[in-house]
Each structure stands twice: as C-alpha cells, then as structure tokens.
Amino acid sequence: MGTRVIISGGPGDTVENAVVVTTDSSKAGVEAEYVYIERACGERGAAWNFLSQTQFTSEDGRNYDEITVRLADGTTRSFYFAIDSFFGRP
C-alpha cells in the first residue's frame, strides 16, 4: 500500500492560491507536485520542461515549494505548493 497524498487548495498560481499537498512523506509530496503539473500542463518533456524548484517560508511561517516550468510555447509558469505536512520529513 502506497503513501496517502491529498491534494487540495487552489490552482497554485500564487502563494495565496497554493496547491496544498498533504502527506507524511517528503518523497511522495514532491512526486505529487510533479503529477499535478503534468495534469495541468501535459506531458513533461513535450508540453513543459523543468526550470527551477525553490523552497521558502512565508512571513506567517508556512512552507512552500515554487516550481517554475517552461511551456512548449516558450512562456514560463510557476506553481506554488503548500508543503507544511511533509516539510523536513524523509
């Protein structure tokens, strides 16, 4: 049986509308972030390519991942994920 992951929150286009990833495994949480991006943008390598991933803590103490990708049309798009449930876990 795999690790349970729950995706909720907003579309992830801003910190205020971050995708909330709830799990007790950092590995499963990060994998879920990339699955979310594939569902939103299409197949990695064809519809988008990874540019960067940054972890940061907001002023109110919440932890986030920001993943920026380049879409096939050359534009970039950033996704924000709230990661408090798994931040710092193996």
Protein backbone atom coordinates (compact mmCIF):
# COMPACT_ATOMS: atom_id res chain seq x y z
CA MET A 1 0.00 0.00 0.00
CA GLY A 2 1.43 3.41 -1.02
CA THR A 3 1.67 6.58 0.96
CA ARG A 4 -1.56 8.56 1.04
CA VAL A 5 -1.42 12.00 -0.62
CA ILE A 6 -4.25 14.53 -0.58
CA ILE A 7 -4.28 17.47 -2.99
CA SER A 8 -6.50 20.44 -2.12
CA GLY A 9 -6.44 24.22 -2.14
CA GLY A 10 -6.30 26.44 -5.18
CA PRO A 11 -4.77 26.22 -8.65
CA GLY A 12 -1.27 27.11 -7.42
CA ASP A 13 -0.78 30.27 -9.47
CA THR A 14 0.04 32.37 -6.37
CA VAL A 15 1.06 31.71 -2.77
CA GLU A 16 -2.43 32.78 -1.69
CA ASN A 17 -3.94 30.14 -4.01
CA ALA A 18 -1.30 27.46 -3.40
CA VAL A 19 -1.97 23.80 -4.05
CA VAL A 20 -1.98 22.14 -0.62
CA VAL A 21 -0.16 18.80 -0.60
CA THR A 22 -0.96 16.71 2.49
CA THR A 23 1.12 13.60 3.18
CA ASP A 24 3.62 12.35 5.74
CA SER A 25 6.35 11.61 3.17
CA SER A 26 8.58 14.21 1.54
CA LYS A 27 9.24 11.89 -1.41
CA ALA A 28 5.52 11.30 -2.02
CA GLY A 29 4.78 15.00 -1.60
CA VAL A 30 7.32 16.13 -4.20
CA GLU A 31 6.19 13.39 -6.60
CA ALA A 32 2.61 14.65 -6.20
CA GLU A 33 3.72 18.17 -7.13
CA TYR A 34 5.07 16.95 -10.47
CA VAL A 35 1.97 14.83 -11.13
CA TYR A 36 -0.12 17.95 -10.51
CA ILE A 37 1.93 19.92 -13.04
CA GLU A 38 1.56 17.13 -15.62
CA ARG A 39 -2.21 17.15 -15.13
CA ALA A 40 -2.29 20.94 -15.51
CA CYS A 41 0.14 21.30 -18.43
CA GLY A 42 0.53 17.95 -20.16
CA GLU A 43 3.40 15.53 -20.55
CA ARG A 44 6.77 16.57 -19.17
CA GLY A 45 9.33 16.90 -21.96
CA ALA A 46 6.68 17.52 -24.59
CA ALA A 47 4.36 20.16 -23.09
CA TRP A 48 6.76 21.56 -20.49
CA ASN A 49 10.27 21.35 -19.07
CA PHE A 50 11.51 21.92 -15.55
CA LEU A 51 13.36 25.20 -14.89
CA SER A 52 13.68 25.53 -11.10
CA GLN A 53 12.38 24.49 -7.70
CA THR A 54 12.71 26.68 -4.62
CA GLN A 55 11.58 26.02 -1.06
CA PHE A 56 10.74 29.05 1.06
CA THR A 57 9.00 30.04 4.28
CA SER A 58 6.40 32.80 4.16
CA GLU A 59 6.14 35.64 6.66
CA ASP A 60 3.46 33.71 8.57
CA GLY A 61 5.76 30.68 8.94
CA ARG A 62 4.21 28.39 6.31
CA ASN A 63 6.46 26.36 4.00
CA TYR A 64 6.12 26.34 0.23
CA ASP A 65 7.70 24.91 -2.90
CA GLU A 66 7.74 27.08 -6.00
CA ILE A 67 8.27 25.09 -9.20
CA THR A 68 8.84 27.02 -12.41
CA VAL A 69 8.48 25.36 -15.80
CA ARG A 70 8.88 26.43 -19.42
CA LEU A 71 5.88 25.58 -21.54
CA ALA A 72 6.15 24.37 -25.13
CA ASP A 73 5.19 27.84 -26.41
CA GLY A 74 8.24 29.32 -24.63
CA THR A 75 6.39 31.00 -21.77
CA THR A 76 7.16 30.23 -18.14
CA ARG A 77 4.72 29.29 -15.43
CA SER A 78 5.24 28.98 -11.68
CA PHE A 79 3.29 26.67 -9.39
CA TYR A 80 3.10 27.18 -5.62
CA PHE A 81 2.63 24.22 -3.29
CA ALA A 82 1.94 24.42 0.47
CA ILE A 83 4.15 21.70 1.98
CA ASP A 84 3.79 22.05 5.77
CA SER A 85 2.52 18.47 6.18
CA PHE A 86 5.72 16.89 4.83
CA PHE A 87 8.38 19.60 5.02
CA GLY A 88 11.52 18.21 6.69
CA ARG A 89 10.33 14.60 6.64
CA PRO A 90 12.11 11.73 4.88
